[in-house]
Amino acid sequence: MQKLMFILMLILGTALAGEEKKCGENEKFYDCIPLEQQCNSKIEYPLIRCDRGCWCKKGYKMDMDTKVCLPVGPLCQ
């Protein structure tokens, strides 16, 4: 039974570690996704939703229509 639990934990750990490699261009893996990183968001303070996954790197924000990380600038405030 202990051997089975060890194998299951090893498989789970390997699966979670590999999740980070799936992030797209200009994205980073987060344990808690920062919601203020959306283009033209009206949020004036940082919100955190604790879901694991890929989100835009610093200096980029998510265009919610295209789901692409754009550099912060005139097209993405």
PDB file of N, CA and C in Angstrom:
ATOM      1  N   MET A   1       0.825  -1.203   0.000  1.00  0.00           N
ATOM      2  CA  MET A   1       0.000   0.000   0.000  1.00  0.00           C
ATOM      3  C   MET A   1       0.865   1.261   0.000  1.00  0.00           C
ATOM      4  N   GLN A   2       1.937   1.256   0.801  1.00  0.00           N
ATOM      5  CA  GLN A   2       2.823   2.417   0.847  1.00  0.00           C
ATOM      6  C   GLN A   2       3.532   2.610  -0.486  1.00  0.00           C
ATOM      7  N   LYS A   3       3.875   1.510  -1.114  1.00  0.00           N
ATOM      8  CA  LYS A   3       4.548   1.584  -2.410  1.00  0.00           C
ATOM      9  C   LYS A   3       3.612   2.200  -3.455  1.00  0.00           C
ATOM     10  N   LEU A   4       2.338   1.826  -3.418  1.00  0.00           N
ATOM     11  CA  LEU A   4       1.352   2.370  -4.340  1.00  0.00           C
ATOM     12  C   LEU A   4       1.173   3.872  -4.117  1.00  0.00           C
ATOM     13  N   MET A   5       1.082   4.298  -2.863  1.00  0.00           N
ATOM     14  CA  MET A   5       0.948   5.722  -2.544  1.00  0.00           C
ATOM     15  C   MET A   5       2.162   6.501  -3.032  1.00  0.00           C
ATOM     16  N   PHE A   6       3.350   5.942  -2.859  1.00  0.00           N
ATOM     17  CA  PHE A   6       4.571   6.595  -3.311  1.00  0.00           C
ATOM     18  C   PHE A   6       4.551   6.773  -4.827  1.00  0.00           C
ATOM     19  N   ILE A   7       4.148   5.747  -5.542  1.00  0.00           N
ATOM     20  CA  ILE A   7       4.094   5.812  -7.003  1.00  0.00           C
ATOM     21  C   ILE A   7       3.069   6.846  -7.455  1.00  0.00           C
ATOM     22  N   LEU A   8       1.906   6.875  -6.816  1.00  0.00           N
ATOM     23  CA  LEU A   8       0.880   7.857  -7.167  1.00  0.00           C
ATOM     24  C   LEU A   8       1.355   9.283  -6.906  1.00  0.00           C
ATOM     25  N   MET A   9       2.023   9.511  -5.788  1.00  0.00           N
ATOM     26  CA  MET A   9       2.552  10.841  -5.467  1.00  0.00           C
ATOM     27  C   MET A   9       3.631  11.242  -6.471  1.00  0.00           C
ATOM     28  N   LEU A  10       4.454  10.305  -6.880  1.00  0.00           N
ATOM     29  CA  LEU A  10       5.501  10.570  -7.862  1.00  0.00           C
ATOM     30  C   LEU A  10       4.890  10.961  -9.209  1.00  0.00           C
ATOM     31  N   ILE A  11       3.856  10.249  -9.619  1.00  0.00           N
ATOM     32  CA  ILE A  11       3.170  10.559 -10.879  1.00  0.00           C
ATOM     33  C   ILE A  11       2.520  11.933 -10.804  1.00  0.00           C
ATOM     34  N   LEU A  12       1.847  12.232  -9.710  1.00  0.00           N
ATOM     35  CA  LEU A  12       1.193  13.526  -9.533  1.00  0.00           C
ATOM     36  C   LEU A  12       2.216  14.656  -9.545  1.00  0.00           C
ATOM     37  N   GLY A  13       3.309  14.488  -8.832  1.00  0.00           N
ATOM     38  CA  GLY A  13       4.363  15.505  -8.798  1.00  0.00           C
ATOM     39  C   GLY A  13       4.964  15.752 -10.163  1.00  0.00           C
ATOM     40  N   THR A  14       5.171  14.709 -10.918  1.00  0.00           N
ATOM     41  CA  THR A  14       5.719  14.835 -12.271  1.00  0.00           C
ATOM     42  C   THR A  14       4.739  15.563 -13.182  1.00  0.00           C
ATOM     43  N   ALA A  15       3.467  15.251 -13.062  1.00  0.00           N
ATOM     44  CA  ALA A  15       2.450  15.902 -13.893  1.00  0.00           C
ATOM     45  C   ALA A  15       2.362  17.385 -13.584  1.00  0.00           C
ATOM     46  N   LEU A  16       2.386  17.751 -12.307  1.00  0.00           N
ATOM     47  CA  LEU A  16       2.304  19.155 -11.924  1.00  0.00           C
ATOM     48  C   LEU A  16       3.557  19.916 -12.324  1.00  0.00           C
ATOM     49  N   ALA A  17       4.708  19.305 -12.222  1.00  0.00           N
ATOM     50  CA  ALA A  17       5.959  19.965 -12.603  1.00  0.00           C
ATOM     51  C   ALA A  17       5.996  20.231 -14.100  1.00  0.00           C
ATOM     52  N   GLY A  18       5.436  19.361 -14.902  1.00  0.00           N
ATOM     53  CA  GLY A  18       5.428  19.529 -16.344  1.00  0.00           C
ATOM     54  C   GLY A  18       4.433  20.562 -16.825  1.00  0.00           C
ATOM     55  N   GLU A  19       3.497  20.950 -15.964  1.00  0.00           N
ATOM     56  CA  GLU A  19       2.464  21.903 -16.347  1.00  0.00           C
ATOM     57  C   GLU A  19       3.068  23.256 -16.732  1.00  0.00           C
ATOM     58  N   GLU A  20       4.142  23.655 -16.080  1.00  0.00           N
ATOM     59  CA  GLU A  20       4.763  24.951 -16.331  1.00  0.00           C
ATOM     60  C   GLU A  20       5.300  25.058 -17.756  1.00  0.00           C
ATOM     61  N   LYS A  21       5.697  23.961 -18.345  1.00  0.00           N
ATOM     62  CA  LYS A  21       6.301  23.960 -19.670  1.00  0.00           C
ATOM     63  C   LYS A  21       5.291  24.263 -20.776  1.00  0.00           C
ATOM     64  N   LYS A  22       4.015  24.259 -20.486  1.00  0.00           N
ATOM     65  CA  LYS A  22       2.981  24.449 -21.493  1.00  0.00           C
ATOM     66  C   LYS A  22       2.622  25.916 -21.720  1.00  0.00           C
ATOM     67  N   CYS A  23       3.239  26.840 -21.019  1.00  0.00           N
ATOM     68  CA  CYS A  23       2.903  28.253 -21.155  1.00  0.00           C
ATOM     69  C   CYS A  23       3.302  28.769 -22.527  1.00  0.00           C
ATOM     70  N   GLY A  24       2.492  29.701 -23.041  1.00  0.00           N
ATOM     71  CA  GLY A  24       2.749  30.275 -24.354  1.00  0.00           C
ATOM     72  C   GLY A  24       3.757  31.418 -24.304  1.00  0.00           C
ATOM     73  N   GLU A  25       3.904  32.077 -25.443  1.00  0.00           N
ATOM     74  CA  GLU A  25       4.833  33.193 -25.566  1.00  0.00           C
ATOM     75  C   GLU A  25       4.416  34.328 -24.632  1.00  0.00           C
ATOM     76  N   ASN A  26       5.366  34.911 -23.936  1.00  0.00           N
ATOM     77  CA  ASN A  26       5.160  36.018 -22.995  1.00  0.00           C
ATOM     78  C   ASN A  26       4.294  35.623 -21.807  1.00  0.00           C
ATOM     79  N   GLU A  27       4.243  34.331 -21.493  1.00  0.00           N
ATOM     80  CA  GLU A  27       3.482  33.839 -20.351  1.00  0.00           C
ATOM     81  C   GLU A  27       4.409  33.210 -19.321  1.00  0.00           C
ATOM     82  N   LYS A  28       3.900  33.124 -18.102  1.00  0.00           N
ATOM     83  CA  LYS A  28       4.629  32.528 -16.990  1.00  0.00           C
ATOM     84  C   LYS A  28       3.643  31.677 -16.197  1.00  0.00           C
ATOM     85  N   PHE A  29       4.135  30.610 -15.573  1.00  0.00           N
ATOM     86  CA  PHE A  29       3.280  29.755 -14.751  1.00  0.00           C
ATOM     87  C   PHE A  29       3.126  30.369 -13.363  1.00  0.00           C
ATOM     88  N   TYR A  30       1.907  30.463 -12.874  1.00  0.00           N
ATOM     89  CA  TYR A  30       1.607  30.999 -11.542  1.00  0.00           C
ATOM     90  C   TYR A  30       0.800  29.978 -10.751  1.00  0.00           C
ATOM     91  N   ASP A  31       1.016  29.954  -9.438  1.00  0.00           N
ATOM     92  CA  ASP A  31       0.156  29.167  -8.550  1.00  0.00           C
ATOM     93  C   ASP A  31      -1.140  29.919  -8.284  1.00  0.00           C
ATOM     94  N   CYS A  32      -1.068  31.244  -8.245  1.00  0.00           N
ATOM     95  CA  CYS A  32      -2.244  32.103  -8.081  1.00  0.00           C
ATOM     96  C   CYS A  32      -2.221  33.142  -9.194  1.00  0.00           C
ATOM     97  N   ILE A  33      -3.208  33.136 -10.061  1.00  0.00           N
ATOM     98  CA  ILE A  33      -3.240  34.001 -11.237  1.00  0.00           C
ATOM     99  C   ILE A  33      -3.582  35.436 -10.835  1.00  0.00           C
ATOM    100  N   PRO A  34      -2.770  36.429 -11.250  1.00  0.00           N
ATOM    101  CA  PRO A  34      -3.055  37.838 -10.947  1.00  0.00           C
ATOM    102  C   PRO A  34      -4.082  38.412 -11.924  1.00  0.00           C
ATOM    103  N   LEU A  35      -5.284  38.688 -11.460  1.00  0.00           N
ATOM    104  CA  LEU A  35      -6.365  39.113 -12.351  1.00  0.00           C
ATOM    105  C   LEU A  35      -6.209  40.524 -12.889  1.00  0.00           C
ATOM    106  N   GLU A  36      -5.395  41.359 -12.268  1.00  0.00           N
ATOM    107  CA  GLU A  36      -5.247  42.728 -12.756  1.00  0.00           C
ATOM    108  C   GLU A  36      -4.471  42.791 -14.063  1.00  0.00           C
ATOM    109  N   GLN A  37      -4.007  41.673 -14.545  1.00  0.00           N
ATOM    110  CA  GLN A  37      -3.189  41.628 -15.753  1.00  0.00           C
ATOM    111  C   GLN A  37      -4.028  41.476 -17.023  1.00  0.00           C
ATOM    112  N   GLN A  38      -5.165  42.147 -17.086  1.00  0.00           N
ATOM    113  CA  GLN A  38      -6.007  42.093 -18.282  1.00  0.00           C
ATOM    114  C   GLN A  38      -5.990  43.456 -18.968  1.00  0.00           C
ATOM    115  N   CYS A  39      -5.897  43.472 -20.300  1.00  0.00           N
ATOM    116  CA  CYS A  39      -5.908  44.729 -21.049  1.00  0.00           C
ATOM    117  C   CYS A  39      -7.164  45.533 -20.732  1.00  0.00           C
ATOM    118  N   ASN A  40      -6.952  46.827 -20.560  1.00  0.00           N
ATOM    119  CA  ASN A  40      -8.043  47.783 -20.360  1.00  0.00           C
ATOM    120  C   ASN A  40      -8.963  47.406 -19.201  1.00  0.00           C
ATOM    121  N   SER A  41      -8.396  46.765 -18.192  1.00  0.00           N
ATOM    122  CA  SER A  41      -9.155  46.382 -17.009  1.00  0.00           C
ATOM    123  C   SER A  41      -9.431  47.611 -16.156  1.00  0.00           C
ATOM    124  N   LYS A  42     -10.591  47.672 -15.578  1.00  0.00           N
ATOM    125  CA  LYS A  42     -10.961  48.786 -14.697  1.00  0.00           C
ATOM    126  C   LYS A  42     -10.599  48.505 -13.240  1.00  0.00           C
ATOM    127  N   ILE A  43      -9.971  47.373 -12.983  1.00  0.00           N
ATOM    128  CA  ILE A  43      -9.582  47.010 -11.623  1.00  0.00           C
ATOM    129  C   ILE A  43      -8.453  47.926 -11.179  1.00  0.00           C
ATOM    130  N   GLU A  44      -8.626  48.611 -10.047  1.00  0.00           N
ATOM    131  CA  GLU A  44      -7.636  49.570  -9.573  1.00  0.00           C
ATOM    132  C   GLU A  44      -6.720  48.992  -8.505  1.00  0.00           C
ATOM    133  N   TYR A  45      -6.938  47.775  -8.112  1.00  0.00           N
ATOM    134  CA  TYR A  45      -6.106  47.139  -7.100  1.00  0.00           C
ATOM    135  C   TYR A  45      -5.903  45.687  -7.506  1.00  0.00           C
ATOM    136  N   PRO A  46      -4.771  45.111  -7.112  1.00  0.00           N
ATOM    137  CA  PRO A  46      -4.488  43.736  -7.528  1.00  0.00           C
ATOM    138  C   PRO A  46      -5.431  42.722  -6.890  1.00  0.00           C
ATOM    139  N   LEU A  47      -5.956  41.850  -7.696  1.00  0.00           N
ATOM    140  CA  LEU A  47      -6.759  40.727  -7.215  1.00  0.00           C
ATOM    141  C   LEU A  47      -6.013  39.447  -7.547  1.00  0.00           C
ATOM    142  N   ILE A  48      -6.139  38.479  -6.693  1.00  0.00           N
ATOM    143  CA  ILE A  48      -5.493  37.193  -6.921  1.00  0.00           C
ATOM    144  C   ILE A  48      -6.562  36.110  -6.877  1.00  0.00           C
ATOM    145  N   ARG A  49      -6.584  35.275  -7.911  1.00  0.00           N
ATOM    146  CA  ARG A  49      -7.458  34.101  -7.916  1.00  0.00           C
ATOM    147  C   ARG A  49      -6.519  32.910  -7.841  1.00  0.00           C
ATOM    148  N   CYS A  50      -6.641  32.118  -6.821  1.00  0.00           N
ATOM    149  CA  CYS A  50      -5.668  31.044  -6.611  1.00  0.00           C
ATOM    150  C   CYS A  50      -5.986  29.814  -7.450  1.00  0.00           C
ATOM    151  N   ASP A  51      -5.730  29.952  -8.733  1.00  0.00           N
ATOM    152  CA  ASP A  51      -5.773  28.845  -9.679  1.00  0.00           C
ATOM    153  C   ASP A  51      -4.378  28.714 -10.263  1.00  0.00           C
ATOM    154  N   ARG A  52      -3.940  27.496 -10.498  1.00  0.00           N
ATOM    155  CA  ARG A  52      -2.629  27.262 -11.119  1.00  0.00           C
ATOM    156  C   ARG A  52      -2.779  27.399 -12.623  1.00  0.00           C
ATOM    157  N   GLY A  53      -1.814  28.036 -13.245  1.00  0.00           N
ATOM    158  CA  GLY A  53      -1.855  28.111 -14.693  1.00  0.00           C
ATOM    159  C   GLY A  53      -0.959  29.189 -15.256  1.00  0.00           C
ATOM    160  N   CYS A  54      -1.031  29.344 -16.556  1.00  0.00           N
ATOM    161  CA  CYS A  54      -0.202  30.315 -17.262  1.00  0.00           C
ATOM    162  C   CYS A  54      -0.922  31.654 -17.339  1.00  0.00           C
ATOM    163  N   TRP A  55      -0.157  32.711 -17.191  1.00  0.00           N
ATOM    164  CA  TRP A  55      -0.678  34.065 -17.322  1.00  0.00           C
ATOM    165  C   TRP A  55       0.452  34.945 -17.810  1.00  0.00           C
ATOM    166  N   CYS A  56       0.153  36.149 -18.191  1.00  0.00           N
ATOM    167  CA  CYS A  56       1.147  37.041 -18.795  1.00  0.00           C
ATOM    168  C   CYS A  56       2.291  37.379 -17.847  1.00  0.00           C
ATOM    169  N   LYS A  57       3.496  37.470 -18.437  1.00  0.00           N
ATOM    170  CA  LYS A  57       4.681  37.892 -17.692  1.00  0.00           C
ATOM    171  C   LYS A  57       4.568  39.376 -17.344  1.00  0.00           C
ATOM    172  N   LYS A  58       5.433  39.838 -16.453  1.00  0.00           N
ATOM    173  CA  LYS A  58       5.474  41.246 -16.069  1.00  0.00           C
ATOM    174  C   LYS A  58       5.724  42.097 -17.318  1.00  0.00           C
ATOM    175  N   GLY A  59       4.974  43.190 -17.448  1.00  0.00           N
ATOM    176  CA  GLY A  59       5.098  44.066 -18.608  1.00  0.00           C
ATOM    177  C   GLY A  59       4.139  43.722 -19.729  1.00  0.00           C
ATOM    178  N   TYR A  60       3.362  42.662 -19.535  1.00  0.00           N
ATOM    179  CA  TYR A  60       2.378  42.221 -20.523  1.00  0.00           C
ATOM    180  C   TYR A  60       1.027  42.068 -19.836  1.00  0.00           C
ATOM    181  N   LYS A  61      -0.040  42.211 -20.603  1.00  0.00           N
ATOM    182  CA  LYS A  61      -1.388  41.970 -20.098  1.00  0.00           C
ATOM    183  C   LYS A  61      -2.151  41.139 -21.123  1.00  0.00           C
ATOM    184  N   MET A  62      -3.133  40.390 -20.625  1.00  0.00           N
ATOM    185  CA  MET A  62      -3.922  39.490 -21.466  1.00  0.00           C
ATOM    186  C   MET A  62      -5.008  40.259 -22.218  1.00  0.00           C
ATOM    187  N   ASP A  63      -5.019  40.119 -23.532  1.00  0.00           N
ATOM    188  CA  ASP A  63      -6.126  40.599 -24.348  1.00  0.00           C
ATOM    189  C   ASP A  63      -7.195  39.516 -24.248  1.00  0.00           C
ATOM    190  N   MET A  64      -8.284  39.815 -23.583  1.00  0.00           N
ATOM    191  CA  MET A  64      -9.286  38.799 -23.289  1.00  0.00           C
ATOM    192  C   MET A  64     -10.042  38.341 -24.543  1.00  0.00           C
ATOM    193  N   ASP A  65      -9.997  39.116 -25.623  1.00  0.00           N
ATOM    194  CA  ASP A  65     -10.641  38.694 -26.873  1.00  0.00           C
ATOM    195  C   ASP A  65      -9.803  37.653 -27.607  1.00  0.00           C
ATOM    196  N   THR A  66      -8.483  37.894 -27.681  1.00  0.00           N
ATOM    197  CA  THR A  66      -7.607  36.997 -28.437  1.00  0.00           C
ATOM    198  C   THR A  66      -6.881  35.984 -27.563  1.00  0.00           C
ATOM    199  N   LYS A  67      -6.904  36.192 -26.237  1.00  0.00           N
ATOM    200  CA  LYS A  67      -6.186  35.338 -25.275  1.00  0.00           C
ATOM    201  C   LYS A  67      -4.679  35.340 -25.548  1.00  0.00           C
ATOM    202  N   VAL A  68      -4.158  36.499 -25.982  1.00  0.00           N
ATOM    203  CA  VAL A  68      -2.735  36.680 -26.265  1.00  0.00           C
ATOM    204  C   VAL A  68      -2.184  37.723 -25.308  1.00  0.00           C
ATOM    205  N   CYS A  69      -0.970  37.509 -24.809  1.00  0.00           N
ATOM    206  CA  CYS A  69      -0.317  38.479 -23.938  1.00  0.00           C
ATOM    207  C   CYS A  69       0.298  39.583 -24.791  1.00  0.00           C
ATOM    208  N   LEU A  70      -0.168  40.812 -24.566  1.00  0.00           N
ATOM    209  CA  LEU A  70       0.317  41.967 -25.311  1.00  0.00           C
ATOM    210  C   LEU A  70       1.169  42.846 -24.410  1.00  0.00           C
ATOM    211  N   PRO A  71       2.184  43.526 -24.978  1.00  0.00           N
ATOM    212  CA  PRO A  71       2.955  44.457 -24.164  1.00  0.00           C
ATOM    213  C   PRO A  71       2.066  45.614 -23.727  1.00  0.00           C
ATOM    214  N   VAL A  72       2.242  46.065 -22.493  1.00  0.00           N
ATOM    215  CA  VAL A  72       1.473  47.196 -21.989  1.00  0.00           C
ATOM    216  C   VAL A  72       1.842  48.416 -22.826  1.00  0.00           C
ATOM    217  N   GLY A  73       0.841  49.115 -23.341  1.00  0.00           N
ATOM    218  CA  GLY A  73       1.058  50.277 -24.196  1.00  0.00           C
ATOM    219  C   GLY A  73      -0.271  50.827 -24.669  1.00  0.00           C
ATOM    220  N   PRO A  74      -0.273  51.591 -25.759  1.00  0.00           N
ATOM    221  CA  PRO A  74      -1.505  52.232 -26.233  1.00  0.00           C
ATOM    222  C   PRO A  74      -2.647  51.255 -26.531  1.00  0.00           C
ATOM    223  N   LEU A  75      -2.326  50.072 -27.037  1.00  0.00           N
ATOM    224  CA  LEU A  75      -3.376  49.101 -27.364  1.00  0.00           C
ATOM    225  C   LEU A  75      -3.801  48.254 -26.177  1.00  0.00           C
ATOM    226  N   CYS A  76      -3.039  48.327 -25.112  1.00  0.00           N
ATOM    227  CA  CYS A  76      -3.315  47.494 -23.935  1.00  0.00           C
ATOM    228  C   CYS A  76      -2.897  48.259 -22.690  1.00  0.00           C
ATOM    229  N   GLN A  77      -3.845  48.894 -22.030  1.00  0.00           N
ATOM    230  CA  GLN A  77      -3.574  49.678 -20.818  1.00  0.00           C
ATOM    231  C   GLN A  77      -3.733  48.822 -19.588  1.00  0.00           C
TER     232      GLN A  77
END
